[in-house]
C-alpha atoms as a PDB file:
ATOM      1  CA  MET A   1       0.166  -0.105   0.167  1.00  0.00           C
ATOM      2  CA  MET A   2       1.399   3.493  -1.094  1.00  0.00           C
ATOM      3  CA  ALA A   3       0.922   6.433   0.825  1.00  0.00           C
ATOM      4  CA  ARG A   4       0.233  10.106   0.469  1.00  0.00           C
ATOM      5  CA  VAL A   5       2.295  12.199   3.290  1.00  0.00           C
ATOM      6  CA  ALA A   6       1.883  15.539   4.132  1.00  0.00           C
ATOM      7  CA  PHE A   7       5.231  17.094   4.865  1.00  0.00           C
ATOM      8  CA  TYR A   8       5.835  20.412   6.803  1.00  0.00           C
ATOM      9  CA  ALA A   9       9.204  22.281   8.375  1.00  0.00           C
ATOM     10  CA  PRO A  10       8.163  25.150  10.504  1.00  0.00           C
ATOM     11  CA  MET A  11      11.707  26.405  10.753  1.00  0.00           C
ATOM     12  CA  LYS A  12      12.783  26.609   7.201  1.00  0.00           C
ATOM     13  CA  PRO A  13      10.794  25.278   4.308  1.00  0.00           C
ATOM     14  CA  PRO A  14      12.957  22.757   2.228  1.00  0.00           C
ATOM     15  CA  HIS A  15      12.896  25.242  -0.863  1.00  0.00           C
ATOM     16  CA  SER A  16      14.533  28.140   1.118  1.00  0.00           C
ATOM     17  CA  ALA A  17      17.447  29.910  -0.797  1.00  0.00           C
ATOM     18  CA  ASN A  18      19.462  30.095   2.535  1.00  0.00           C
ATOM     19  CA  PRO A  19      21.502  26.950   2.998  1.00  0.00           C
ATOM     20  CA  SER A  20      21.616  25.305   6.241  1.00  0.00           C
ATOM     21  CA  GLY A  21      21.546  21.910   7.916  1.00  0.00           C
ATOM     22  CA  ASP A  22      18.018  22.183   8.420  1.00  0.00           C
ATOM     23  CA  ARG A  23      17.068  22.593   4.979  1.00  0.00           C
ATOM     24  CA  GLU A  24      19.364  19.788   3.923  1.00  0.00           C
ATOM     25  CA  MET A  25      17.622  17.753   6.353  1.00  0.00           C
ATOM     26  CA  ALA A  26      14.158  18.353   5.621  1.00  0.00           C
ATOM     27  CA  ARG A  27      15.134  17.935   1.909  1.00  0.00           C
ATOM     28  CA  ASN A  28      16.795  14.668   2.759  1.00  0.00           C
ATOM     29  CA  LEU A  29      13.762  13.386   4.925  1.00  0.00           C
ATOM     30  CA  MET A  30      11.537  14.056   1.726  1.00  0.00           C
ATOM     31  CA  SER A  31      13.457  12.042  -0.299  1.00  0.00           C
ATOM     32  CA  ALA A  32      13.827   9.322   2.315  1.00  0.00           C
ATOM     33  CA  ILE A  33      10.183   9.537   2.642  1.00  0.00           C
ATOM     34  CA  GLY A  34       9.530   9.049  -0.954  1.00  0.00           C
ATOM     35  CA  ALA A  35      12.043   6.361  -1.686  1.00  0.00           C
ATOM     36  CA  TYR A  36       9.644   3.361  -2.190  1.00  0.00           C
ATOM     37  CA  GLY A  37       7.179   5.535  -4.397  1.00  0.00           C
ATOM     38  CA  ASP A  38       5.044   6.943  -1.617  1.00  0.00           C
ATOM     39  CA  LYS A  39       3.643  10.561  -2.499  1.00  0.00           C
ATOM     40  CA  VAL A  40       5.124  13.383  -0.322  1.00  0.00           C
ATOM     41  CA  ASP A  41       3.596  16.738  -0.718  1.00  0.00           C
ATOM     42  CA  LEU A  42       5.057  19.977   0.861  1.00  0.00           C
ATOM     43  CA  VAL A  43       1.871  21.356   2.135  1.00  0.00           C
ATOM     44  CA  SER A  44       3.071  24.870   3.720  1.00  0.00           C
ATOM     45  CA  ASP A  45       5.886  27.079   3.310  1.00  0.00           C
ATOM     46  CA  LEU A  46       4.825  29.287   6.375  1.00  0.00           C
ATOM     47  CA  ARG A  47       7.907  29.623   8.341  1.00  0.00           C
ATOM     48  CA  VAL A  48       7.084  29.719  12.235  1.00  0.00           C
ATOM     49  CA  PHE A  49      10.690  30.816  13.936  1.00  0.00           C
ATOM     50  CA  ASP A  50      11.512  33.113  16.479  1.00  0.00           C
ATOM     51  CA  LYS A  51      15.321  33.514  16.983  1.00  0.00           C
ATOM     52  CA  SER A  52      15.222  36.006  19.899  1.00  0.00           C
ATOM     53  CA  GLY A  53      12.071  35.267  22.256  1.00  0.00           C
ATOM     54  CA  ASP A  54      10.161  38.360  20.593  1.00  0.00           C
ATOM     55  CA  ALA A  55       6.475  38.052  22.249  1.00  0.00           C
ATOM     56  CA  GLY A  56       5.088  40.341  19.416  1.00  0.00           C
ATOM     57  CA  LEU A  57       6.588  38.135  16.876  1.00  0.00           C
ATOM     58  CA  GLN A  58       4.972  35.214  18.166  1.00  0.00           C
ATOM     59  CA  GLU A  59       1.831  36.659  18.475  1.00  0.00           C
ATOM     60  CA  ASP A  60       1.875  37.711  14.891  1.00  0.00           C
ATOM     61  CA  LEU A  61       3.127  34.178  13.654  1.00  0.00           C
ATOM     62  CA  LEU A  62       0.143  32.556  15.886  1.00  0.00           C
ATOM     63  CA  GLY A  63      -2.490  34.497  13.929  1.00  0.00           C
ATOM     64  CA  LYS A  64      -0.888  33.623  10.714  1.00  0.00           C
ATOM     65  CA  ALA A  65      -0.695  29.792  11.673  1.00  0.00           C
ATOM     66  CA  GLU A  66      -4.525  30.165  12.710  1.00  0.00           C
ATOM     67  CA  LEU A  67      -5.376  31.181   8.899  1.00  0.00           C
ATOM     68  CA  GLU A  68      -2.626  28.698   7.499  1.00  0.00           C
ATOM     69  CA  ALA A  69      -4.426  25.749   9.530  1.00  0.00           C
ATOM     70  CA  ALA A  70      -7.828  26.548   8.602  1.00  0.00           C
ATOM     71  CA  ARG A  71      -6.891  26.777   4.726  1.00  0.00           C
ATOM     72  CA  LEU A  72      -5.271  23.398   5.078  1.00  0.00           C
ATOM     73  CA  ILE A  73      -8.144  21.745   6.904  1.00  0.00           C
ATOM     74  CA  HIS A  74     -10.198  23.101   3.726  1.00  0.00           C
ATOM     75  CA  ASP A  75      -7.768  22.310   1.192  1.00  0.00           C
ATOM     76  CA  LEU A  76      -5.412  19.445   2.147  1.00  0.00           C
ATOM     77  CA  ASN A  77      -5.803  16.647  -0.485  1.00  0.00           C
ATOM     78  CA  PRO A  78      -8.460  14.235   0.588  1.00  0.00           C
ATOM     79  CA  GLU A  79      -6.162  11.108  -0.310  1.00  0.00           C
ATOM     80  CA  THR A  80      -3.549  12.444   2.572  1.00  0.00           C
ATOM     81  CA  ASP A  81      -2.785   9.410   4.645  1.00  0.00           C
ATOM     82  CA  LEU A  82      -0.593  11.046   7.296  1.00  0.00           C
ATOM     83  CA  TRP A  83       1.328  14.269   8.362  1.00  0.00           C
ATOM     84  CA  VAL A  84       4.922  14.565   9.109  1.00  0.00           C
ATOM     85  CA  THR A  85       6.738  17.437  10.530  1.00  0.00           C
ATOM     86  CA  TYR A  86      10.207  18.134  10.779  1.00  0.00           C
ATOM     87  CA  HIS A  87      11.984  19.688  13.581  1.00  0.00           C
ATOM     88  CA  ASN A  88       9.228  20.878  15.935  1.00  0.00           C
ATOM     89  CA  TYR A  89      11.030  22.901  19.003  1.00  0.00           C
ATOM     90  CA  TYR A  90      10.521  25.839  21.093  1.00  0.00           C
ATOM     91  CA  LYS A  91      11.827  28.331  18.804  1.00  0.00           C
ATOM     92  CA  ALA A  92       9.953  26.841  15.773  1.00  0.00           C
ATOM     93  CA  PRO A  93       6.925  24.958  17.130  1.00  0.00           C
ATOM     94  CA  ASP A  94       4.235  23.069  14.615  1.00  0.00           C
ATOM     95  CA  LEU A  95       1.279  25.170  14.943  1.00  0.00           C
ATOM     96  CA  LEU A  96      -0.287  23.575  11.971  1.00  0.00           C
ATOM     97  CA  GLY A  97      -0.136  19.770  12.013  1.00  0.00           C
ATOM     98  CA  PRO A  98      -2.081  18.988  15.274  1.00  0.00           C
ATOM     99  CA  LYS A  99      -4.711  21.375  14.226  1.00  0.00           C
ATOM    100  CA  VAL A 100      -5.289  19.817  10.906  1.00  0.00           C
ATOM    101  CA  CYS A 101      -4.779  16.112  11.812  1.00  0.00           C
ATOM    102  CA  ALA A 102      -7.248  16.640  14.370  1.00  0.00           C
ATOM    103  CA  ALA A 103      -9.842  18.116  12.003  1.00  0.00           C
ATOM    104  CA  ARG A 104      -9.119  15.697   8.849  1.00  0.00           C
ATOM    105  CA  GLY A 105      -8.714  12.482  11.248  1.00  0.00           C
ATOM    106  CA  ILE A 106      -5.119  11.510  10.093  1.00  0.00           C
ATOM    107  CA  PRO A 107      -1.997  10.329  12.119  1.00  0.00           C
ATOM    108  CA  TYR A 108       0.453  12.932  13.093  1.00  0.00           C
ATOM    109  CA  VAL A 109       4.157  12.317  13.071  1.00  0.00           C
ATOM    110  CA  GLN A 110       7.083  14.244  14.155  1.00  0.00           C
ATOM    111  CA  MET A 111      10.843  13.934  13.165  1.00  0.00           C
ATOM    112  CA  GLU A 112      13.782  15.550  15.229  1.00  0.00           C
ATOM    113  CA  SER A 113      11.238  17.125  17.802  1.00  0.00           C
ATOM    114  CA  THR A 114      12.669  18.208  21.128  1.00  0.00           C
ATOM    115  CA  ARG A 115      11.139  19.143  24.391  1.00  0.00           C
ATOM    116  CA  ALA A 116      12.454  21.916  26.642  1.00  0.00           C
ATOM    117  CA  GLN A 117      11.081  22.299  30.177  1.00  0.00           C
ATOM    118  CA  SER A 118      13.688  25.024  30.671  1.00  0.00           C
ATOM    119  CA  ARG A 119      12.035  27.172  28.107  1.00  0.00           C
ATOM    120  CA  LEU A 120       8.530  27.049  29.711  1.00  0.00           C
ATOM    121  CA  ASN A 121       9.118  30.497  31.210  1.00  0.00           C
ATOM    122  CA  GLY A 122      10.582  33.353  29.727  1.00  0.00           C
ATOM    123  CA  GLY A 123      10.581  34.961  26.326  1.00  0.00           C
ATOM    124  CA  TRP A 124       9.823  31.725  24.574  1.00  0.00           C
ATOM    125  CA  ASP A 125       7.032  30.248  26.788  1.00  0.00           C
ATOM    126  CA  ARG A 126       4.273  30.632  24.545  1.00  0.00           C
ATOM    127  CA  PHE A 127       6.380  28.890  21.782  1.00  0.00           C
ATOM    128  CA  ALA A 128       7.819  26.320  24.106  1.00  0.00           C
ATOM    129  CA  ARG A 129       4.217  25.561  25.087  1.00  0.00           C
ATOM    130  CA  ALA A 130       2.920  25.315  21.633  1.00  0.00           C
ATOM    131  CA  ALA A 131       5.888  22.836  20.746  1.00  0.00           C
ATOM    132  CA  HIS A 132       5.165  20.701  23.971  1.00  0.00           C
ATOM    133  CA  ASP A 133       1.378  20.461  22.819  1.00  0.00           C
ATOM    134  CA  ALA A 134       2.460  19.563  19.333  1.00  0.00           C
ATOM    135  CA  CYS A 135       4.601  16.895  20.867  1.00  0.00           C
ATOM    136  CA  ASP A 136       1.778  15.629  22.789  1.00  0.00           C
ATOM    137  CA  ALA A 137      -0.363  15.402  19.855  1.00  0.00           C
ATOM    138  CA  ALA A 138       1.934  13.148  17.926  1.00  0.00           C
ATOM    139  CA  ASP A 139       1.335   9.545  17.418  1.00  0.00           C
ATOM    140  CA  VAL A 140       4.799   8.754  16.538  1.00  0.00           C
ATOM    141  CA  ILE A 141       8.106  10.803  17.102  1.00  0.00           C
ATOM    142  CA  PHE A 142      11.295   9.814  15.248  1.00  0.00           C
ATOM    143  CA  TYR A 143      14.365  10.890  17.249  1.00  0.00           C
ATOM    144  CA  HIS A 144      17.881  11.283  15.812  1.00  0.00           C
ATOM    145  CA  THR A 145      20.046  11.295  19.116  1.00  0.00           C
ATOM    146  CA  ALA A 146      20.124   9.778  22.490  1.00  0.00           C
ATOM    147  CA  ASN A 147      20.061  13.149  24.013  1.00  0.00           C
ATOM    148  CA  ASP A 148      16.765  14.125  22.470  1.00  0.00           C
ATOM    149  CA  LEU A 149      15.338  10.630  23.582  1.00  0.00           C
ATOM    150  CA  ILE A 150      15.888  11.641  27.313  1.00  0.00           C
ATOM    151  CA  ALA A 151      13.426  14.253  27.148  1.00  0.00           C
ATOM    152  CA  LEU A 152      11.098  12.902  24.779  1.00  0.00           C
ATOM    153  CA  SER A 153      11.008   9.763  26.838  1.00  0.00           C
ATOM    154  CA  ARG A 154      10.269  11.520  30.198  1.00  0.00           C
ATOM    155  CA  ASP A 155       7.190  13.476  28.980  1.00  0.00           C
ATOM    156  CA  LYS A 156       5.677  11.212  26.499  1.00  0.00           C
ATOM    157  CA  ARG A 157       2.132  10.219  26.604  1.00  0.00           C
ATOM    158  CA  ALA A 158       1.646   6.575  27.456  1.00  0.00           C
ATOM    159  CA  GLU A 159       0.342   5.489  24.043  1.00  0.00           C
ATOM    160  CA  GLN A 160       2.922   7.709  22.044  1.00  0.00           C
ATOM    161  CA  ARG A 161       5.681   5.730  20.313  1.00  0.00           C
ATOM    162  CA  LEU A 162       9.402   6.875  19.922  1.00  0.00           C
ATOM    163  CA  ALA A 163      11.087   5.309  17.078  1.00  0.00           C
ATOM    164  CA  GLU A 164      15.079   5.839  16.240  1.00  0.00           C
ATOM    165  CA  LEU A 165      15.979   7.711  12.787  1.00  0.00           C
ATOM    166  CA  PRO A 166      19.847   7.865  12.771  1.00  0.00           C
ATOM    167  CA  PRO A 167      21.082  10.853  10.636  1.00  0.00           C
ATOM    168  CA  PHE A 168      21.592  10.202   7.315  1.00  0.00           C
ATOM    169  CA  LEU A 169      23.143  10.946   3.886  1.00  0.00           C
ATOM    170  CA  PRO A 170      21.049  11.565   1.059  1.00  0.00           C
ATOM    171  CA  SER A 171      22.736   9.008  -0.910  1.00  0.00           C
ATOM    172  CA  ARG A 172      22.299   5.207  -1.565  1.00  0.00           C
ATOM    173  CA  HIS A 173      26.304   4.527  -2.032  1.00  0.00           C
ATOM    174  CA  LEU A 174      29.196   5.395  -0.433  1.00  0.00           C
ATOM    175  CA  PRO A 175      31.403   8.073  -2.376  1.00  0.00           C
ATOM    176  CA  ARG A 176      34.981   7.236  -3.696  1.00  0.00           C
ATOM    177  CA  ALA A 177      37.063   6.706  -0.406  1.00  0.00           C
ATOM    178  CA  SER A 178      39.740   9.302   0.220  1.00  0.00           C
ATOM    179  CA  ASP A 179      43.565   7.815  -0.054  1.00  0.00           C
ATOM    180  CA  LEU A 180      44.337   9.610   2.965  1.00  0.00           C
ATOM    181  CA  SER A 181      47.442  11.464   1.745  1.00  0.00           C
ATOM    182  CA  GLY A 182      46.251  15.079   1.808  1.00  0.00           C
ATOM    183  CA  PRO A 183      46.019  17.761   4.719  1.00  0.00           C
ATOM    184  CA  MET A 184      43.869  17.346   7.544  1.00  0.00           C
ATOM    185  CA  LEU A 185      40.231  19.095   6.933  1.00  0.00           C
ATOM    186  CA  SER A 186      37.771  21.136   8.696  1.00  0.00           C
ATOM    187  CA  VAL A 187      34.303  21.953   7.665  1.00  0.00           C
ATOM    188  CA  GLY A 188      32.410  24.681   9.601  1.00  0.00           C
ATOM    189  CA  MET A 189      30.323  27.929   9.126  1.00  0.00           C
ATOM    190  CA  MET A 190      32.126  30.656  10.286  1.00  0.00           C
ATOM    191  CA  ARG A 191      29.529  32.455  12.786  1.00  0.00           C
ATOM    192  CA  HIS A 192      29.446  33.886  16.512  1.00  0.00           C
ATOM    193  CA  GLY A 193      28.612  31.231  19.047  1.00  0.00           C
ATOM    194  CA  ASP A 194      29.252  27.387  19.071  1.00  0.00           C
ATOM    195  CA  LYS A 195      30.819  27.559  15.791  1.00  0.00           C
ATOM    196  CA  LEU A 196      33.381  29.964  16.975  1.00  0.00           C
ATOM    197  CA  ALA A 197      33.965  28.295  19.865  1.00  0.00           C
ATOM    198  CA  SER A 198      34.772  25.095  17.913  1.00  0.00           C
ATOM    199  CA  TYR A 199      37.411  27.180  15.643  1.00  0.00           C
ATOM    200  CA  ARG A 200      38.966  28.439  18.969  1.00  0.00           C
ATOM    201  CA  ILE A 201      39.488  25.073  20.377  1.00  0.00           C
ATOM    202  CA  LEU A 202      40.825  23.918  17.100  1.00  0.00           C
ATOM    203  CA  ALA A 203      43.394  26.563  16.967  1.00  0.00           C
ATOM    204  CA  ASP A 204      44.586  26.091  20.270  1.00  0.00           C
ATOM    205  CA  ALA A 205      44.889  22.375  19.520  1.00  0.00           C
ATOM    206  CA  LEU A 206      47.000  22.840  16.513  1.00  0.00           C
ATOM    207  CA  ARG A 207      49.487  24.495  18.960  1.00  0.00           C
ATOM    208  CA  HIS A 208      50.479  21.327  20.414  1.00  0.00           C
ATOM    209  CA  LEU A 209      51.252  19.475  17.117  1.00  0.00           C
ATOM    210  CA  ARG A 210      54.681  18.483  16.242  1.00  0.00           C
ATOM    211  CA  GLY A 211      56.175  17.682  12.993  1.00  0.00           C
ATOM    212  CA  ASP A 212      55.143  18.509   9.255  1.00  0.00           C
ATOM    213  CA  TRP A 213      51.229  18.782   9.180  1.00  0.00           C
ATOM    214  CA  SER A 214      48.886  21.051   7.257  1.00  0.00           C
ATOM    215  CA  LEU A 215      45.157  21.822   7.681  1.00  0.00           C
ATOM    216  CA  GLU A 216      42.382  22.860   4.995  1.00  0.00           C
ATOM    217  CA  ILE A 217      39.187  24.812   6.316  1.00  0.00           C
ATOM    218  CA  ALA A 218      36.089  24.708   4.463  1.00  0.00           C
ATOM    219  CA  GLY A 219      33.659  27.317   5.254  1.00  0.00           C
ATOM    220  CA  ASP A 220      32.793  31.017   5.274  1.00  0.00           C
ATOM    221  CA  GLY A 221      30.672  33.211   7.317  1.00  0.00           C
ATOM    222  CA  ALA A 222      30.408  36.483   9.376  1.00  0.00           C
ATOM    223  CA  THR A 223      33.373  35.762  11.680  1.00  0.00           C
ATOM    224  CA  ARG A 224      35.775  34.579   8.964  1.00  0.00           C
ATOM    225  CA  ALA A 225      38.262  37.428   9.825  1.00  0.00           C
ATOM    226  CA  GLU A 226      38.467  36.501  13.699  1.00  0.00           C
ATOM    227  CA  VAL A 227      38.673  32.684  12.445  1.00  0.00           C
ATOM    228  CA  GLU A 228      41.711  33.882  10.215  1.00  0.00           C
ATOM    229  CA  GLN A 229      43.270  35.658  13.232  1.00  0.00           C
ATOM    230  CA  LEU A 230      42.945  32.608  15.281  1.00  0.00           C
ATOM    231  CA  MET A 231      44.743  30.716  12.841  1.00  0.00           C
ATOM    232  CA  ALA A 232      47.327  33.498  11.923  1.00  0.00           C
ATOM    233  CA  PRO A 233      49.935  31.889  14.205  1.00  0.00           C
ATOM    234  CA  HIS A 234      50.163  29.098  12.116  1.00  0.00           C
ATOM    235  CA  GLY A 235      51.089  30.567   9.006  1.00  0.00           C
ATOM    236  CA  ALA A 236      50.747  28.762   5.644  1.00  0.00           C
ATOM    237  CA  ARG A 237      50.192  25.510   7.485  1.00  0.00           C
ATOM    238  CA  VAL A 238      46.421  26.558   7.336  1.00  0.00           C
ATOM    239  CA  ARG A 239      44.704  26.990   4.055  1.00  0.00           C
ATOM    240  CA  PHE A 240      41.358  28.620   3.633  1.00  0.00           C
ATOM    241  CA  LEU A 241      39.080  26.854   0.927  1.00  0.00           C
ATOM    242  CA  GLY A 242      35.887  29.322   1.457  1.00  0.00           C
ATOM    243  CA  GLN A 243      32.389  28.007   1.289  1.00  0.00           C
ATOM    244  CA  LEU A 244      32.537  25.135  -1.222  1.00  0.00           C
ATOM    245  CA  GLU A 245      29.798  23.936  -3.713  1.00  0.00           C
ATOM    246  CA  ARG A 246      28.819  20.069  -3.033  1.00  0.00           C
ATOM    247  CA  ASP A 247      31.185  18.734  -5.898  1.00  0.00           C
ATOM    248  CA  ALA A 248      34.228  20.494  -4.277  1.00  0.00           C
ATOM    249  CA  LEU A 249      33.573  19.564  -0.696  1.00  0.00           C
ATOM    250  CA  GLN A 250      33.349  16.056  -1.724  1.00  0.00           C
ATOM    251  CA  SER A 251      36.888  16.518  -3.504  1.00  0.00           C
ATOM    252  CA  ALA A 252      38.419  18.069  -0.205  1.00  0.00           C
ATOM    253  CA  TYR A 253      37.000  14.845   1.608  1.00  0.00           C
ATOM    254  CA  GLY A 254      38.318  12.531  -1.225  1.00  0.00           C
ATOM    255  CA  SER A 255      42.046  13.967  -0.768  1.00  0.00           C
ATOM    256  CA  ALA A 256      42.311  14.844   3.002  1.00  0.00           C
ATOM    257  CA  SER A 257      44.131  12.679   5.317  1.00  0.00           C
ATOM    258  CA  LEU A 258      41.756  12.929   8.568  1.00  0.00           C
ATOM    259  CA  PHE A 259      38.839  15.380   9.646  1.00  0.00           C
ATOM    260  CA  VAL A 260      38.887  17.474  12.572  1.00  0.00           C
ATOM    261  CA  TRP A 261      36.214  19.320  14.389  1.00  0.00           C
ATOM    262  CA  PRO A 262      35.504  19.809  18.011  1.00  0.00           C
ATOM    263  CA  GLY A 263      31.843  19.815  17.729  1.00  0.00           C
ATOM    264  CA  VAL A 264      31.010  22.374  20.207  1.00  0.00           C
ATOM    265  CA  ASN A 265      26.907  22.075  21.019  1.00  0.00           C
ATOM    266  CA  GLU A 266      26.383  20.225  17.291  1.00  0.00           C
ATOM    267  CA  ALA A 267      23.037  18.864  17.399  1.00  0.00           C
ATOM    268  CA  TYR A 268      24.919  15.844  15.709  1.00  0.00           C
ATOM    269  CA  GLY A 269      26.629  17.304  12.596  1.00  0.00           C
ATOM    270  CA  MET A 270      26.305  16.072   9.183  1.00  0.00           C
ATOM    271  CA  VAL A 271      29.845  16.915   8.390  1.00  0.00           C
ATOM    272  CA  TYR A 272      30.778  13.984  10.321  1.00  0.00           C
ATOM    273  CA  LEU A 273      28.968  11.340   8.277  1.00  0.00           C
ATOM    274  CA  GLU A 274      30.188  12.977   5.061  1.00  0.00           C
ATOM    275  CA  ALA A 275      33.631  12.702   6.188  1.00  0.00           C
ATOM    276  CA  GLN A 276      33.488   9.098   7.584  1.00  0.00           C
ATOM    277  CA  ALA A 277      31.603   8.094   4.358  1.00  0.00           C
ATOM    278  CA  ALA A 278      34.771   9.184   2.275  1.00  0.00           C
ATOM    279  CA  GLY A 279      36.762   7.029   4.813  1.00  0.00           C
ATOM    280  CA  LEU A 280      38.148   9.708   6.546  1.00  0.00           C
ATOM    281  CA  PRO A 281      39.111   9.165  10.587  1.00  0.00           C
ATOM    282  CA  ILE A 282      37.447  11.677  12.903  1.00  0.00           C
ATOM    283  CA  VAL A 283      38.957  13.888  15.542  1.00  0.00           C
ATOM    284  CA  ALA A 284      36.179  15.411  17.489  1.00  0.00           C
ATOM    285  CA  GLN A 285      35.181  15.804  21.161  1.00  0.00           C
ATOM    286  CA  ASP A 286      32.958  13.362  22.821  1.00  0.00           C
ATOM    287  CA  ARG A 287      29.973  15.053  23.031  1.00  0.00           C
ATOM    288  CA  PRO A 288      26.112  14.400  23.012  1.00  0.00           C
ATOM    289  CA  GLY A 289      24.741  14.399  19.525  1.00  0.00           C
ATOM    290  CA  VAL A 290      28.057  14.278  18.098  1.00  0.00           C
ATOM    291  CA  ARG A 291      28.703  10.729  19.299  1.00  0.00           C
ATOM    292  CA  ASP A 292      25.449   9.718  17.750  1.00  0.00           C
ATOM    293  CA  VAL A 293      27.068   9.917  14.548  1.00  0.00           C
ATOM    294  CA  LEU A 294      30.481   8.836  14.887  1.00  0.00           C
ATOM    295  CA  ALA A 295      31.927   5.337  14.692  1.00  0.00           C
ATOM    296  CA  PRO A 296      32.587   4.054  18.360  1.00  0.00           C
ATOM    297  CA  ALA A 297      36.513   5.331  19.049  1.00  0.00           C
ATOM    298  CA  ASN A 298      38.650   6.773  21.756  1.00  0.00           C
ATOM    299  CA  TYR A 299      37.630  10.277  21.322  1.00  0.00           C
ATOM    300  CA  PRO A 300      38.788  13.055  23.766  1.00  0.00           C
ATOM    301  CA  ARG A 301      36.514  14.441  26.197  1.00  0.00           C
ATOM    302  CA  PRO A 302      35.745  18.072  26.232  1.00  0.00           C
ATOM    303  CA  GLU A 303      37.469  18.474  29.658  1.00  0.00           C
ATOM    304  CA  ASP A 304      40.648  17.257  27.855  1.00  0.00           C
ATOM    305  CA  GLY A 305      40.630  20.503  26.027  1.00  0.00           C
ATOM    306  CA  PRO A 306      42.666  21.329  23.066  1.00  0.00           C
ATOM    307  CA  GLU A 307      45.368  19.035  24.430  1.00  0.00           C
ATOM    308  CA  GLY A 308      43.120  16.108  24.248  1.00  0.00           C
ATOM    309  CA  LEU A 309      42.291  16.773  20.504  1.00  0.00           C
ATOM    310  CA  ALA A 310      45.710  17.259  19.574  1.00  0.00           C
ATOM    311  CA  HIS A 311      46.736  14.115  20.995  1.00  0.00           C
ATOM    312  CA  ARG A 312      44.350  12.177  18.907  1.00  0.00           C
ATOM    313  CA  MET A 313      45.404  14.211  15.979  1.00  0.00           C
ATOM    314  CA  GLN A 314      49.150  13.467  16.386  1.00  0.00           C
ATOM    315  CA  ALA A 315      48.434   9.604  16.874  1.00  0.00           C
ATOM    316  CA  LEU A 316      46.776   9.666  13.500  1.00  0.00           C
ATOM    317  CA  LEU A 317      49.376  11.794  11.837  1.00  0.00           C
ATOM    318  CA  ASP A 318      52.173   9.734  12.953  1.00  0.00           C
ATOM    319  CA  ALA A 319      50.616   6.591  11.876  1.00  0.00           C
ATOM    320  CA  PRO A 320      49.527   5.857   8.390  1.00  0.00           C
ATOM    321  CA  ASP A 321      48.377   2.242   9.043  1.00  0.00           C
ATOM    322  CA  LEU A 322      46.351   3.420  11.704  1.00  0.00           C
ATOM    323  CA  ARG A 323      44.722   6.276   9.485  1.00  0.00           C
ATOM    324  CA  ARG A 324      43.814   3.625   6.712  1.00  0.00           C
ATOM    325  CA  SER A 325      42.294   1.040   9.430  1.00  0.00           C
ATOM    326  CA  GLU A 326      40.238   3.788  10.769  1.00  0.00           C
ATOM    327  CA  GLY A 327      39.265   4.987   7.717  1.00  0.00           C
ATOM    328  CA  ALA A 328      37.956   1.423   6.493  1.00  0.00           C
ATOM    329  CA  ARG A 329      35.829   0.868   9.433  1.00  0.00           C
ATOM    330  CA  VAL A 330      34.003   4.452   9.699  1.00  0.00           C
ATOM    331  CA  ARG A 331      33.248   3.578   5.930  1.00  0.00           C
ATOM    332  CA  VAL A 332      31.449   0.486   6.936  1.00  0.00           C
ATOM    333  CA  TYR A 333      29.593   2.291   9.964  1.00  0.00           C
ATOM    334  CA  VAL A 334      28.404   4.856   7.734  1.00  0.00           C
ATOM    335  CA  GLY A 335      27.166   2.675   4.775  1.00  0.00           C
ATOM    336  CA  THR A 336      25.319   0.120   7.170  1.00  0.00           C
ATOM    337  CA  ARG A 337      23.591   2.917   9.314  1.00  0.00           C
ATOM    338  CA  HIS A 338      23.653   6.272   8.091  1.00  0.00           C
ATOM    339  CA  LEU A 339      22.776   6.323   4.134  1.00  0.00           C
ATOM    340  CA  MET A 340      19.238   6.848   2.675  1.00  0.00           C
ATOM    341  CA  PRO A 341      18.175   3.076   2.212  1.00  0.00           C
ATOM    342  CA  ALA A 342      18.860   2.524   5.941  1.00  0.00           C
ATOM    343  CA  ALA A 343      16.537   5.950   6.918  1.00  0.00           C
ATOM    344  CA  SER A 344      13.797   4.711   4.633  1.00  0.00           C
ATOM    345  CA  GLN A 345      13.691   1.289   6.079  1.00  0.00           C
ATOM    346  CA  ALA A 346      13.599   2.830   9.859  1.00  0.00           C
ATOM    347  CA  ILE A 347      10.797   5.343   8.799  1.00  0.00           C
ATOM    348  CA  TRP A 348       8.287   2.839   6.811  1.00  0.00           C
ATOM    349  CA  SER A 349       9.203  -0.057   9.372  1.00  0.00           C
ATOM    350  CA  VAL A 350       6.996   2.151  11.573  1.00  0.00           C
ATOM    351  CA  LEU A 351       4.418   3.976   9.466  1.00  0.00           C
ATOM    352  CA  ARG A 352       3.634   1.116   7.293  1.00  0.00           C
ATOM    353  CA  PRO A 353       2.074  -1.072  10.020  1.00  0.00           C
ATOM    354  CA  MET A 354       0.638   1.783  11.467  1.00  0.00           C
ATOM    355  CA  LEU A 355      -1.386   2.727   8.434  1.00  0.00           C
ATOM    356  CA  GLU A 356      -2.304  -0.957   7.488  1.00  0.00           C
ATOM    357  CA  ALA A 357      -3.776  -1.074  10.892  1.00  0.00           C
ATOM    358  CA  ARG A 358      -6.039   1.890  10.031  1.00  0.00           C
ATOM    359  CA  ALA A 359      -7.147   0.627   6.950  1.00  0.00           C
END
């Protein structure tokens, strides 16, 4: 039985012109859901996102959502079998899905949703409560990381199902493996906050390296000048590639010797999957979220600081055989668990029986 699925991403529509991890994941999910021939309809491009906890903006978006929900209740394709919302959370709650599904009598499914009790007071209180209400309304919530599962399990309704959906790459096959002979590689947007914090740790870690090493950095953004200043003491050993298109980035993965990125407060980090798919050993800190997409290894703890990161880098730089064995192992890990076929199987192994039981 083929299904017709209504898809919605409140934080950013999949067709947004602004690149981001959220946009890419939404696109990837639509592809994974439709991989077996099921029809996936993007039913709304209403963006419900409040970056700063602005009560006036929330009020305006709540009003727009009321109108959009009314439109969808009337106009949604009558053959729609279920609704899927991607990334419901306190800054971008799903204000449409629960209302439309209740009115049309169809199952409501969420993917990568989070609950944040700490936001139920303060600037995001109204949106946080809406996000919690949306979670409560879901028949199934697919979670990406063990960290998300903790809060989802704590607050879930008794009859609600929580199902694992590991983050995945939008491909059925692994790319060409790197020969591991090039420079180290880092990939990260250059912006204030967690990304800049990762660059600071990286710059400090490089100070502890010995021997002949080099690093290429792919990425750009508002803090590029600050990142360049952080890396200036390392001179020509650090080369900036700028923002790379997909093919150029894949080429960088395909020639690097290893991938290094601390991962400060990353939700999980698609770059880790991309690097491992190309057979790159990973140097990262053992952090929640990040560890959900890394093949098991002895990663340094955040409290080990830049020195811990440098120790793993040096070990891999000094041992080509270790790099090759690690690279082969991480490729198998990604190929088995984090490609499109595994994601489609994880999704429909849960949703198909649910729909068949309702038929």
